[in-house]
N, C-alpha and C. Protein backbone atom coordinates (compact mmCIF):
# COMPACT_ATOMS: atom_id res chain seq x y z
N SER A 1 -36.38 78.35 -70.57
CA SER A 1 -36.70 77.94 -69.21
C SER A 1 -35.43 77.96 -68.38
N ALA A 2 -35.62 77.93 -67.03
CA ALA A 2 -34.45 77.94 -66.14
C ALA A 2 -33.61 76.70 -66.33
N ALA A 3 -34.30 75.56 -66.58
CA ALA A 3 -33.56 74.30 -66.76
C ALA A 3 -32.64 74.39 -67.97
N ARG A 4 -33.19 75.01 -69.05
CA ARG A 4 -32.37 75.13 -70.26
C ARG A 4 -31.18 76.04 -70.02
N VAL A 5 -31.42 77.13 -69.29
CA VAL A 5 -30.33 78.06 -68.97
C VAL A 5 -29.27 77.36 -68.12
N ASN A 6 -29.73 76.61 -67.13
CA ASN A 6 -28.79 75.90 -66.26
C ASN A 6 -28.00 74.86 -67.06
N GLY A 7 -28.72 74.15 -67.95
CA GLY A 7 -28.04 73.16 -68.77
C GLY A 7 -27.02 73.80 -69.68
N LYS A 8 -27.38 74.91 -70.29
CA LYS A 8 -26.45 75.63 -71.17
C LYS A 8 -25.26 76.13 -70.37
N GLY A 9 -25.54 76.63 -69.17
CA GLY A 9 -24.45 77.12 -68.31
C GLY A 9 -23.48 76.01 -67.95
N GLU A 10 -24.02 74.84 -67.66
CA GLU A 10 -23.16 73.70 -67.32
C GLU A 10 -22.33 73.27 -68.52
N ARG A 11 -22.93 73.32 -69.71
CA ARG A 11 -22.18 72.96 -70.93
C ARG A 11 -21.06 73.96 -71.18
N THR A 12 -21.35 75.25 -70.94
CA THR A 12 -20.32 76.28 -71.12
C THR A 12 -19.19 76.08 -70.12
N ARG A 13 -19.57 75.79 -68.88
CA ARG A 13 -18.57 75.57 -67.84
C ARG A 13 -17.67 74.38 -68.21
N GLN A 14 -18.29 73.31 -68.70
CA GLN A 14 -17.52 72.13 -69.08
C GLN A 14 -16.63 72.43 -70.28
N ALA A 15 -17.14 73.24 -71.19
CA ALA A 15 -16.33 73.64 -72.36
C ALA A 15 -15.09 74.41 -71.92
N ILE A 16 -15.24 75.25 -70.89
CA ILE A 16 -14.10 76.00 -70.35
C ILE A 16 -13.07 75.05 -69.74
N VAL A 17 -13.55 74.05 -69.00
CA VAL A 17 -12.64 73.08 -68.38
C VAL A 17 -11.85 72.32 -69.45
N VAL A 18 -12.55 71.87 -70.49
CA VAL A 18 -11.89 71.14 -71.59
C VAL A 18 -10.88 72.04 -72.29
N ALA A 19 -11.29 73.28 -72.56
CA ALA A 19 -10.40 74.23 -73.24
C ALA A 19 -9.19 74.55 -72.38
N ALA A 20 -9.43 74.76 -71.09
CA ALA A 20 -8.32 75.08 -70.18
C ALA A 20 -7.30 73.95 -70.15
N ARG A 21 -7.81 72.72 -70.11
CA ARG A 21 -6.89 71.58 -70.09
C ARG A 21 -6.03 71.57 -71.36
N ALA A 22 -6.65 71.83 -72.50
CA ALA A 22 -5.90 71.85 -73.77
C ALA A 22 -4.81 72.93 -73.73
N VAL A 23 -5.16 74.10 -73.21
CA VAL A 23 -4.20 75.21 -73.14
C VAL A 23 -3.08 74.88 -72.15
N PHE A 24 -3.43 74.37 -70.97
CA PHE A 24 -2.42 74.02 -69.97
C PHE A 24 -1.45 72.96 -70.53
N GLU A 25 -2.00 71.96 -71.22
CA GLU A 25 -1.14 70.91 -71.76
C GLU A 25 -0.24 71.43 -72.87
N ARG A 26 -0.73 72.45 -73.57
CA ARG A 26 0.03 73.00 -74.70
C ARG A 26 1.14 73.94 -74.25
N VAL A 27 0.84 74.85 -73.33
CA VAL A 27 1.82 75.90 -72.98
C VAL A 27 2.26 75.87 -71.52
N GLY A 28 1.68 74.97 -70.71
CA GLY A 28 2.00 74.95 -69.29
C GLY A 28 1.07 75.86 -68.50
N TYR A 29 1.19 75.81 -67.19
CA TYR A 29 0.30 76.61 -66.34
C TYR A 29 0.69 78.09 -66.35
N LEU A 30 1.95 78.36 -66.16
CA LEU A 30 2.39 79.75 -65.98
C LEU A 30 2.16 80.61 -67.22
N ASP A 31 2.33 80.01 -68.40
CA ASP A 31 2.18 80.77 -69.64
C ASP A 31 0.74 80.80 -70.16
N ALA A 32 -0.14 80.02 -69.54
CA ALA A 32 -1.54 80.01 -69.98
C ALA A 32 -2.21 81.31 -69.55
N ARG A 33 -3.02 81.90 -70.45
CA ARG A 33 -3.75 83.12 -70.12
C ARG A 33 -5.25 82.84 -70.23
N VAL A 34 -6.01 83.57 -69.43
CA VAL A 34 -7.47 83.43 -69.49
C VAL A 34 -7.97 83.69 -70.91
N SER A 35 -7.37 84.65 -71.59
CA SER A 35 -7.80 84.96 -72.96
C SER A 35 -7.57 83.77 -73.89
N ASP A 36 -6.49 83.01 -73.67
CA ASP A 36 -6.23 81.81 -74.46
C ASP A 36 -7.31 80.76 -74.21
N ILE A 37 -7.67 80.61 -72.95
CA ILE A 37 -8.69 79.60 -72.58
C ILE A 37 -10.04 79.98 -73.16
N ALA A 38 -10.39 81.27 -73.07
CA ALA A 38 -11.68 81.74 -73.61
C ALA A 38 -11.72 81.52 -75.13
N ALA A 39 -10.62 81.84 -75.80
CA ALA A 39 -10.57 81.65 -77.25
C ALA A 39 -10.71 80.17 -77.62
N GLU A 40 -10.03 79.32 -76.85
CA GLU A 40 -10.10 77.87 -77.10
C GLU A 40 -11.53 77.35 -76.89
N ALA A 41 -12.23 77.93 -75.91
CA ALA A 41 -13.59 77.50 -75.59
C ALA A 41 -14.62 78.14 -76.51
N GLY A 42 -14.20 79.15 -77.27
CA GLY A 42 -15.13 79.84 -78.17
C GLY A 42 -16.10 80.75 -77.45
N ILE A 43 -15.65 81.36 -76.36
CA ILE A 43 -16.50 82.28 -75.60
C ILE A 43 -15.80 83.63 -75.46
N ALA A 44 -16.58 84.63 -75.09
CA ALA A 44 -15.99 85.96 -74.84
C ALA A 44 -15.10 85.88 -73.61
N HIS A 45 -14.03 86.68 -73.63
CA HIS A 45 -13.08 86.70 -72.52
C HIS A 45 -13.81 86.88 -71.17
N GLY A 46 -14.70 87.84 -71.11
CA GLY A 46 -15.40 88.13 -69.86
C GLY A 46 -16.29 87.00 -69.38
N SER A 47 -16.77 86.17 -70.31
CA SER A 47 -17.65 85.06 -69.93
C SER A 47 -16.94 84.04 -69.05
N PHE A 48 -15.62 83.94 -69.19
CA PHE A 48 -14.85 83.00 -68.37
C PHE A 48 -15.13 83.26 -66.89
N TYR A 49 -15.16 84.54 -66.52
CA TYR A 49 -15.26 84.90 -65.10
C TYR A 49 -16.64 84.65 -64.51
N THR A 50 -17.62 84.35 -65.35
CA THR A 50 -18.93 83.94 -64.85
C THR A 50 -18.81 82.58 -64.15
N TYR A 51 -17.81 81.81 -64.57
CA TYR A 51 -17.69 80.43 -64.08
C TYR A 51 -16.49 80.20 -63.16
N PHE A 52 -15.41 80.93 -63.38
CA PHE A 52 -14.20 80.75 -62.58
C PHE A 52 -13.58 82.11 -62.28
N PRO A 53 -13.12 82.33 -61.02
CA PRO A 53 -12.50 83.61 -60.69
C PRO A 53 -11.17 83.84 -61.40
N SER A 54 -10.45 82.75 -61.70
CA SER A 54 -9.14 82.86 -62.36
C SER A 54 -8.76 81.51 -62.95
N LYS A 55 -7.63 81.47 -63.64
CA LYS A 55 -7.17 80.20 -64.21
C LYS A 55 -6.80 79.20 -63.12
N ARG A 56 -6.46 79.71 -61.94
CA ARG A 56 -6.08 78.84 -60.82
C ARG A 56 -7.20 77.89 -60.45
N GLU A 57 -8.43 78.43 -60.37
CA GLU A 57 -9.57 77.61 -59.96
C GLU A 57 -9.92 76.54 -61.00
N VAL A 58 -9.82 76.90 -62.27
CA VAL A 58 -10.13 75.90 -63.30
C VAL A 58 -9.04 74.83 -63.32
N PHE A 59 -7.79 75.22 -63.08
CA PHE A 59 -6.71 74.23 -63.00
C PHE A 59 -6.95 73.28 -61.82
N GLN A 60 -7.35 73.84 -60.68
CA GLN A 60 -7.63 73.00 -59.52
C GLN A 60 -8.74 72.00 -59.82
N GLU A 61 -9.76 72.43 -60.54
CA GLU A 61 -10.86 71.52 -60.89
C GLU A 61 -10.35 70.38 -61.77
N ILE A 62 -9.49 70.70 -62.72
CA ILE A 62 -8.92 69.67 -63.60
C ILE A 62 -8.11 68.67 -62.77
N VAL A 63 -7.31 69.18 -61.84
CA VAL A 63 -6.49 68.31 -61.00
C VAL A 63 -7.37 67.39 -60.14
N LEU A 64 -8.46 67.95 -59.62
CA LEU A 64 -9.40 67.14 -58.82
C LEU A 64 -10.04 66.05 -59.66
N ASP A 65 -10.43 66.39 -60.89
CA ASP A 65 -11.04 65.41 -61.79
C ASP A 65 -10.07 64.26 -62.08
N VAL A 66 -8.81 64.62 -62.34
CA VAL A 66 -7.79 63.60 -62.62
C VAL A 66 -7.57 62.75 -61.36
N GLY A 67 -7.56 63.40 -60.21
CA GLY A 67 -7.40 62.67 -58.95
C GLY A 67 -8.49 61.63 -58.74
N ARG A 68 -9.72 62.00 -59.11
CA ARG A 68 -10.83 61.05 -58.99
C ARG A 68 -10.63 59.86 -59.93
N GLU A 69 -10.09 60.12 -61.11
CA GLU A 69 -9.82 59.01 -62.05
C GLU A 69 -8.73 58.09 -61.51
N ILE A 70 -7.71 58.67 -60.90
CA ILE A 70 -6.64 57.86 -60.30
C ILE A 70 -7.21 56.99 -59.18
N THR A 71 -8.07 57.60 -58.35
CA THR A 71 -8.70 56.84 -57.25
C THR A 71 -9.50 55.67 -57.80
N ALA A 72 -10.28 55.94 -58.84
CA ALA A 72 -11.08 54.87 -59.45
C ALA A 72 -10.19 53.77 -60.02
N ALA A 73 -9.05 54.17 -60.57
CA ALA A 73 -8.15 53.19 -61.20
C ALA A 73 -7.59 52.19 -60.19
N VAL A 74 -7.30 52.67 -58.97
CA VAL A 74 -6.65 51.78 -57.99
C VAL A 74 -7.65 51.16 -57.02
N SER A 75 -8.93 51.49 -57.16
CA SER A 75 -9.95 50.91 -56.29
C SER A 75 -10.38 49.54 -56.80
N HIS A 76 -11.02 48.78 -55.91
CA HIS A 76 -11.51 47.45 -56.30
C HIS A 76 -12.54 47.59 -57.42
N ARG A 77 -12.53 46.65 -58.34
CA ARG A 77 -13.45 46.65 -59.48
C ARG A 77 -14.23 45.35 -59.52
N ASP A 78 -15.31 45.36 -60.27
CA ASP A 78 -16.11 44.14 -60.45
C ASP A 78 -15.29 43.02 -61.08
N GLU A 79 -14.29 43.40 -61.87
CA GLU A 79 -13.47 42.39 -62.56
C GLU A 79 -12.50 41.69 -61.61
N ASP A 80 -12.33 42.22 -60.39
CA ASP A 80 -11.44 41.57 -59.43
C ASP A 80 -12.01 40.19 -59.06
N VAL A 81 -11.11 39.24 -58.86
CA VAL A 81 -11.50 37.86 -58.55
C VAL A 81 -11.13 37.55 -57.11
N ALA A 82 -12.10 37.11 -56.33
CA ALA A 82 -11.84 36.78 -54.93
C ALA A 82 -10.74 35.74 -54.83
N GLY A 83 -9.71 36.04 -54.02
CA GLY A 83 -8.62 35.10 -53.81
C GLY A 83 -7.48 35.22 -54.80
N ALA A 84 -7.74 35.82 -55.97
CA ALA A 84 -6.68 35.95 -56.98
C ALA A 84 -5.94 37.27 -56.74
N HIS A 85 -5.25 37.34 -55.62
CA HIS A 85 -4.67 38.61 -55.17
C HIS A 85 -3.63 39.15 -56.14
N GLY A 86 -2.79 38.27 -56.67
CA GLY A 86 -1.76 38.72 -57.59
C GLY A 86 -2.34 39.28 -58.87
N ALA A 87 -3.34 38.61 -59.43
CA ALA A 87 -3.97 39.07 -60.67
C ALA A 87 -4.71 40.39 -60.43
N ASN A 88 -5.36 40.50 -59.28
CA ASN A 88 -6.06 41.75 -58.95
C ASN A 88 -5.07 42.90 -58.80
N LEU A 89 -3.94 42.62 -58.14
CA LEU A 89 -2.89 43.63 -57.98
C LEU A 89 -2.34 44.05 -59.34
N ASP A 90 -2.13 43.06 -60.21
CA ASP A 90 -1.60 43.35 -61.54
C ASP A 90 -2.55 44.27 -62.31
N ARG A 91 -3.85 43.98 -62.26
CA ARG A 91 -4.82 44.82 -62.96
C ARG A 91 -4.83 46.24 -62.40
N ALA A 92 -4.77 46.35 -61.07
CA ALA A 92 -4.79 47.68 -60.44
C ALA A 92 -3.55 48.49 -60.84
N ASN A 93 -2.38 47.83 -60.84
CA ASN A 93 -1.15 48.53 -61.24
C ASN A 93 -1.22 48.98 -62.69
N ARG A 94 -1.76 48.12 -63.56
CA ARG A 94 -1.89 48.48 -64.97
C ARG A 94 -2.87 49.64 -65.15
N ARG A 95 -3.99 49.61 -64.43
CA ARG A 95 -4.96 50.71 -64.53
C ARG A 95 -4.31 52.02 -64.08
N TYR A 96 -3.53 51.95 -62.99
CA TYR A 96 -2.87 53.16 -62.49
C TYR A 96 -1.90 53.70 -63.53
N LEU A 97 -1.04 52.85 -64.06
CA LEU A 97 -0.04 53.31 -65.03
C LEU A 97 -0.71 53.86 -66.29
N ASP A 98 -1.76 53.19 -66.75
CA ASP A 98 -2.48 53.67 -67.94
C ASP A 98 -3.12 55.03 -67.67
N THR A 99 -3.73 55.17 -66.50
CA THR A 99 -4.41 56.43 -66.15
C THR A 99 -3.39 57.55 -66.01
N TYR A 100 -2.27 57.25 -65.36
CA TYR A 100 -1.22 58.26 -65.20
C TYR A 100 -0.73 58.72 -66.57
N ARG A 101 -0.48 57.78 -67.47
CA ARG A 101 0.04 58.15 -68.79
C ARG A 101 -0.95 59.03 -69.54
N ARG A 102 -2.24 58.73 -69.41
CA ARG A 102 -3.27 59.53 -70.11
C ARG A 102 -3.30 60.96 -69.60
N HIS A 103 -2.97 61.14 -68.32
CA HIS A 103 -3.07 62.46 -67.69
C HIS A 103 -1.70 63.00 -67.28
N ALA A 104 -0.64 62.45 -67.87
CA ALA A 104 0.72 62.76 -67.41
C ALA A 104 1.02 64.25 -67.41
N ARG A 105 0.64 64.95 -68.48
CA ARG A 105 0.99 66.37 -68.58
C ARG A 105 0.38 67.17 -67.43
N ILE A 106 -0.90 66.90 -67.13
CA ILE A 106 -1.57 67.61 -66.04
C ILE A 106 -0.97 67.22 -64.69
N LEU A 107 -0.69 65.95 -64.49
CA LEU A 107 -0.11 65.51 -63.21
C LEU A 107 1.28 66.08 -62.99
N ILE A 108 2.06 66.18 -64.06
CA ILE A 108 3.40 66.78 -63.94
C ILE A 108 3.27 68.27 -63.62
N LEU A 109 2.34 68.95 -64.30
CA LEU A 109 2.11 70.38 -63.99
C LEU A 109 1.63 70.55 -62.55
N ALA A 110 0.76 69.64 -62.10
CA ALA A 110 0.24 69.73 -60.73
C ALA A 110 1.37 69.59 -59.72
N ASP A 111 2.30 68.68 -59.98
CA ASP A 111 3.44 68.52 -59.07
C ASP A 111 4.31 69.78 -59.06
N GLN A 112 4.48 70.38 -60.22
CA GLN A 112 5.26 71.63 -60.29
C GLN A 112 4.55 72.75 -59.53
N MET A 113 3.23 72.86 -59.73
CA MET A 113 2.48 73.94 -59.09
C MET A 113 2.33 73.72 -57.59
N ALA A 114 2.40 72.48 -57.15
CA ALA A 114 2.25 72.19 -55.73
C ALA A 114 3.33 72.88 -54.89
N VAL A 115 4.45 73.17 -55.54
CA VAL A 115 5.56 73.84 -54.83
C VAL A 115 5.16 75.25 -54.41
N VAL A 116 4.29 75.89 -55.21
CA VAL A 116 3.93 77.29 -54.93
C VAL A 116 2.45 77.48 -54.60
N ASP A 117 1.67 76.42 -54.71
CA ASP A 117 0.23 76.53 -54.48
C ASP A 117 -0.17 75.53 -53.39
N ASP A 118 -0.49 76.06 -52.20
CA ASP A 118 -0.78 75.20 -51.05
C ASP A 118 -2.00 74.31 -51.28
N GLU A 119 -3.01 74.83 -52.00
CA GLU A 119 -4.21 74.03 -52.22
C GLU A 119 -3.92 72.83 -53.11
N ILE A 120 -3.15 73.05 -54.16
CA ILE A 120 -2.80 71.94 -55.04
C ILE A 120 -1.91 70.94 -54.30
N GLN A 121 -1.01 71.46 -53.48
CA GLN A 121 -0.19 70.59 -52.64
C GLN A 121 -1.08 69.72 -51.76
N THR A 122 -2.11 70.33 -51.18
CA THR A 122 -3.04 69.59 -50.32
C THR A 122 -3.78 68.52 -51.11
N PHE A 123 -4.26 68.86 -52.33
CA PHE A 123 -4.92 67.87 -53.18
C PHE A 123 -4.01 66.68 -53.42
N ARG A 124 -2.76 66.98 -53.78
CA ARG A 124 -1.81 65.92 -54.12
C ARG A 124 -1.50 65.05 -52.89
N LEU A 125 -1.32 65.69 -51.74
CA LEU A 125 -1.03 64.95 -50.52
C LEU A 125 -2.22 64.08 -50.10
N GLN A 126 -3.42 64.64 -50.20
CA GLN A 126 -4.61 63.88 -49.84
C GLN A 126 -4.78 62.67 -50.74
N GLY A 127 -4.56 62.87 -52.04
CA GLY A 127 -4.67 61.78 -52.99
C GLY A 127 -3.68 60.68 -52.69
N ARG A 128 -2.44 61.07 -52.42
CA ARG A 128 -1.41 60.07 -52.12
C ARG A 128 -1.73 59.35 -50.81
N ARG A 129 -2.20 60.11 -49.80
CA ARG A 129 -2.51 59.51 -48.50
C ARG A 129 -3.62 58.46 -48.64
N LYS A 130 -4.64 58.78 -49.45
CA LYS A 130 -5.74 57.83 -49.65
C LYS A 130 -5.24 56.57 -50.36
N HIS A 131 -4.37 56.77 -51.34
CA HIS A 131 -3.79 55.64 -52.07
C HIS A 131 -3.01 54.74 -51.11
N VAL A 132 -2.17 55.35 -50.27
CA VAL A 132 -1.37 54.59 -49.30
C VAL A 132 -2.29 53.87 -48.32
N GLU A 133 -3.35 54.55 -47.87
CA GLU A 133 -4.28 53.93 -46.91
C GLU A 133 -4.93 52.69 -47.52
N ARG A 134 -5.34 52.78 -48.80
CA ARG A 134 -5.98 51.63 -49.45
C ARG A 134 -5.01 50.46 -49.55
N VAL A 135 -3.76 50.75 -49.95
CA VAL A 135 -2.77 49.68 -50.07
C VAL A 135 -2.45 49.09 -48.70
N THR A 136 -2.38 49.94 -47.68
CA THR A 136 -2.12 49.47 -46.31
C THR A 136 -3.21 48.50 -45.86
N GLU A 137 -4.47 48.87 -46.11
CA GLU A 137 -5.59 48.00 -45.72
C GLU A 137 -5.51 46.67 -46.45
N THR A 138 -5.15 46.70 -47.73
CA THR A 138 -5.04 45.47 -48.51
C THR A 138 -3.95 44.58 -47.95
N ILE A 139 -2.78 45.16 -47.65
CA ILE A 139 -1.67 44.37 -47.09
C ILE A 139 -2.06 43.76 -45.75
N ARG A 140 -2.71 44.57 -44.90
CA ARG A 140 -3.11 44.05 -43.58
C ARG A 140 -4.12 42.92 -43.71
N ARG A 141 -5.04 43.05 -44.67
CA ARG A 141 -6.04 42.00 -44.88
C ARG A 141 -5.35 40.71 -45.34
N LEU A 142 -4.37 40.84 -46.22
CA LEU A 142 -3.63 39.67 -46.69
C LEU A 142 -2.81 39.06 -45.55
N GLN A 143 -2.22 39.92 -44.71
CA GLN A 143 -1.45 39.42 -43.57
C GLN A 143 -2.37 38.65 -42.61
N ASP A 144 -3.53 39.21 -42.35
CA ASP A 144 -4.48 38.56 -41.44
C ASP A 144 -4.92 37.20 -41.97
N GLY A 145 -4.97 37.08 -43.29
CA GLY A 145 -5.37 35.82 -43.91
C GLY A 145 -4.21 34.87 -44.15
N GLY A 146 -3.01 35.26 -43.71
CA GLY A 146 -1.85 34.41 -43.88
C GLY A 146 -1.32 34.39 -45.31
N GLN A 147 -1.70 35.39 -46.11
CA GLN A 147 -1.31 35.40 -47.53
C GLN A 147 -0.21 36.42 -47.82
N ALA A 148 0.28 37.09 -46.79
CA ALA A 148 1.39 38.02 -46.94
C ALA A 148 2.26 37.95 -45.70
N ASP A 149 3.49 38.38 -45.82
CA ASP A 149 4.46 38.33 -44.74
C ASP A 149 4.01 39.21 -43.57
N GLY A 150 3.74 38.57 -42.44
CA GLY A 150 3.26 39.31 -41.27
C GLY A 150 4.32 40.15 -40.59
N ASP A 151 5.60 39.96 -40.94
CA ASP A 151 6.68 40.72 -40.30
C ASP A 151 6.88 42.10 -40.92
N ILE A 152 6.26 42.33 -42.07
CA ILE A 152 6.42 43.62 -42.75
C ILE A 152 5.43 44.63 -42.19
N ASP A 153 5.90 45.85 -41.92
CA ASP A 153 4.98 46.90 -41.48
C ASP A 153 4.16 47.37 -42.68
N ALA A 154 2.85 47.18 -42.60
CA ALA A 154 1.98 47.40 -43.75
C ALA A 154 1.99 48.86 -44.23
N LEU A 155 1.94 49.79 -43.28
CA LEU A 155 1.90 51.20 -43.66
C LEU A 155 3.19 51.63 -44.36
N THR A 156 4.33 51.24 -43.79
CA THR A 156 5.62 51.60 -44.39
C THR A 156 5.78 50.97 -45.77
N ALA A 157 5.42 49.69 -45.88
CA ALA A 157 5.52 49.01 -47.17
C ALA A 157 4.62 49.68 -48.20
N ALA A 158 3.40 50.03 -47.78
CA ALA A 158 2.47 50.70 -48.70
C ALA A 158 3.04 52.03 -49.18
N GLY A 159 3.60 52.82 -48.25
CA GLY A 159 4.19 54.10 -48.62
C GLY A 159 5.33 53.96 -49.61
N LEU A 160 6.18 52.96 -49.38
CA LEU A 160 7.31 52.71 -50.28
C LEU A 160 6.84 52.24 -51.65
N LEU A 161 5.88 51.33 -51.69
CA LEU A 161 5.42 50.78 -52.97
C LEU A 161 4.67 51.82 -53.80
N VAL A 162 3.83 52.61 -53.13
CA VAL A 162 3.11 53.68 -53.85
C VAL A 162 4.10 54.70 -54.39
N ALA A 163 5.11 55.05 -53.58
CA ALA A 163 6.13 56.01 -54.04
C ALA A 163 6.89 55.46 -55.24
N MET A 164 7.21 54.17 -55.19
CA MET A 164 7.92 53.55 -56.30
C MET A 164 7.11 53.65 -57.59
N LEU A 165 5.84 53.25 -57.52
CA LEU A 165 5.02 53.22 -58.72
C LEU A 165 4.74 54.63 -59.25
N SER A 166 4.41 55.57 -58.36
CA SER A 166 4.09 56.93 -58.82
C SER A 166 5.33 57.63 -59.36
N ASN A 167 6.48 57.39 -58.74
CA ASN A 167 7.72 58.02 -59.21
C ASN A 167 8.14 57.42 -60.55
N PHE A 168 7.95 56.11 -60.70
CA PHE A 168 8.25 55.48 -61.99
C PHE A 168 7.32 56.03 -63.07
N ALA A 169 6.03 56.17 -62.73
CA ALA A 169 5.07 56.71 -63.70
C ALA A 169 5.48 58.12 -64.11
N TYR A 170 5.92 58.92 -63.14
CA TYR A 170 6.34 60.29 -63.41
C TYR A 170 7.52 60.32 -64.38
N TRP A 171 8.58 59.60 -64.04
CA TRP A 171 9.80 59.69 -64.85
C TRP A 171 9.64 59.02 -66.20
N SER A 172 8.85 57.95 -66.27
CA SER A 172 8.65 57.31 -67.56
C SER A 172 7.74 58.14 -68.46
N SER A 173 6.99 59.08 -67.86
CA SER A 173 6.20 60.02 -68.66
C SER A 173 7.04 61.22 -69.12
N ILE A 174 8.00 61.61 -68.28
CA ILE A 174 8.91 62.70 -68.65
C ILE A 174 9.77 62.28 -69.86
N ALA A 175 10.20 61.00 -69.84
CA ALA A 175 11.03 60.48 -70.94
C ALA A 175 10.34 59.24 -71.52
N PRO A 176 9.26 59.45 -72.28
CA PRO A 176 8.50 58.30 -72.81
C PRO A 176 9.33 57.46 -73.77
N GLY A 177 9.01 56.17 -73.79
CA GLY A 177 9.69 55.26 -74.70
C GLY A 177 10.93 54.60 -74.12
N GLU A 178 11.33 55.02 -72.92
CA GLU A 178 12.54 54.46 -72.32
C GLU A 178 12.29 53.03 -71.81
N TYR A 179 11.05 52.77 -71.39
CA TYR A 179 10.70 51.45 -70.85
C TYR A 179 9.54 50.86 -71.64
N ASP A 180 9.51 49.55 -71.71
CA ASP A 180 8.41 48.85 -72.36
C ASP A 180 7.20 48.82 -71.41
N ASP A 181 6.03 49.24 -71.89
CA ASP A 181 4.85 49.35 -71.03
C ASP A 181 4.46 48.01 -70.41
N GLU A 182 4.42 46.98 -71.23
CA GLU A 182 4.02 45.65 -70.75
C GLU A 182 5.00 45.12 -69.70
N LEU A 183 6.28 45.23 -70.00
CA LEU A 183 7.30 44.75 -69.08
C LEU A 183 7.29 45.57 -67.79
N SER A 184 7.04 46.86 -67.89
CA SER A 184 6.98 47.73 -66.71
C SER A 184 5.86 47.30 -65.77
N ALA A 185 4.68 47.06 -66.33
CA ALA A 185 3.53 46.66 -65.51
C ALA A 185 3.79 45.31 -64.84
N ARG A 186 4.31 44.37 -65.61
CA ARG A 186 4.56 43.02 -65.08
C ARG A 186 5.63 43.07 -63.98
N THR A 187 6.67 43.86 -64.21
CA THR A 187 7.76 43.95 -63.23
C THR A 187 7.29 44.64 -61.95
N ALA A 188 6.47 45.68 -62.10
CA ALA A 188 5.93 46.37 -60.92
C ALA A 188 5.15 45.41 -60.04
N THR A 189 4.32 44.59 -60.65
CA THR A 189 3.51 43.63 -59.89
C THR A 189 4.40 42.59 -59.22
N THR A 190 5.44 42.13 -59.92
CA THR A 190 6.37 41.16 -59.33
C THR A 190 7.06 41.75 -58.12
N ILE A 191 7.51 42.99 -58.22
CA ILE A 191 8.19 43.66 -57.09
C ILE A 191 7.24 43.80 -55.90
N TRP A 192 5.99 44.24 -56.18
CA TRP A 192 5.00 44.39 -55.10
C TRP A 192 4.78 43.05 -54.40
N ALA A 193 4.55 42.00 -55.20
CA ALA A 193 4.22 40.70 -54.65
C ALA A 193 5.38 40.17 -53.80
N ARG A 194 6.61 40.33 -54.30
CA ARG A 194 7.79 39.84 -53.55
C ARG A 194 8.02 40.67 -52.29
N THR A 195 7.77 41.96 -52.38
CA THR A 195 8.00 42.84 -51.23
C THR A 195 7.12 42.45 -50.04
N ILE A 196 5.86 42.13 -50.33
CA ILE A 196 4.94 41.81 -49.22
C ILE A 196 4.86 40.31 -48.96
N GLY A 197 5.66 39.52 -49.72
CA GLY A 197 5.65 38.07 -49.53
C GLY A 197 4.30 37.46 -49.88
N LEU A 198 3.73 37.91 -50.99
CA LEU A 198 2.39 37.46 -51.38
C LEU A 198 2.38 35.96 -51.69
N ARG A 199 1.49 35.27 -51.03
CA ARG A 199 1.32 33.85 -51.30
C ARG A 199 -0.03 33.66 -51.98
N ASP A 200 0.02 33.42 -53.26
CA ASP A 200 -1.21 33.37 -54.07
C ASP A 200 -0.97 32.43 -55.24
N ARG A 201 -1.53 31.26 -55.16
CA ARG A 201 -1.31 30.27 -56.23
C ARG A 201 -1.85 30.76 -57.56
N ASN A 202 -2.82 31.71 -57.49
CA ASN A 202 -3.47 32.16 -58.73
C ASN A 202 -2.78 33.37 -59.33
N ARG A 203 -1.64 33.79 -58.79
CA ARG A 203 -1.02 35.03 -59.27
C ARG A 203 -0.68 34.92 -60.74
N SER A 204 -1.14 35.91 -61.48
CA SER A 204 -0.93 35.91 -62.94
C SER A 204 0.23 36.81 -63.29
N SER A 205 1.03 36.39 -64.26
CA SER A 205 2.09 37.25 -64.76
C SER A 205 1.70 37.87 -66.10
N ALA A 206 0.43 37.62 -66.47
CA ALA A 206 -0.04 38.15 -67.77
C ALA A 206 -0.35 39.60 -67.68
């Protein structure tokens, strides 16, 4: 039936994405070949092109998928507690660092490719802009409620804090083991809270 064909096609497409990610993580983007991806996926070389015009498009899809996971990591969750701003911030920072570490190889490749690929550069810029916008809104909400320093420019502070965390995630992934994961997460939250003058009796250092 058509449904079965469509379902099989979607499974094949997903198998290509999974295989491509494995190949990219193993040999990098530039050295990855479509034939390597097809072999990893267990399909004929020509079958790859039924789903993607080139390795560039499948790489872009992987980057978009990772971007969506990053967005989910830093977004509000059901586990967030109203008023416990420090603890909520701590959980969001930990989710971000954990997610980055899980996808570090792809994110590092994406940053490298962004130099020569305008679309990937756009993906990365859009993702960062959304992250900064969310943090800006959070800081402004806290300022309006008298729970953060009203003299700090929310947008600038958000840009600086996001850059700090993402750059730390990048370099600590390039040279893993240099920093303690638990201490890194706790210190990041302390720096964020002090930077914005967070006033929260419930702030957790756990």
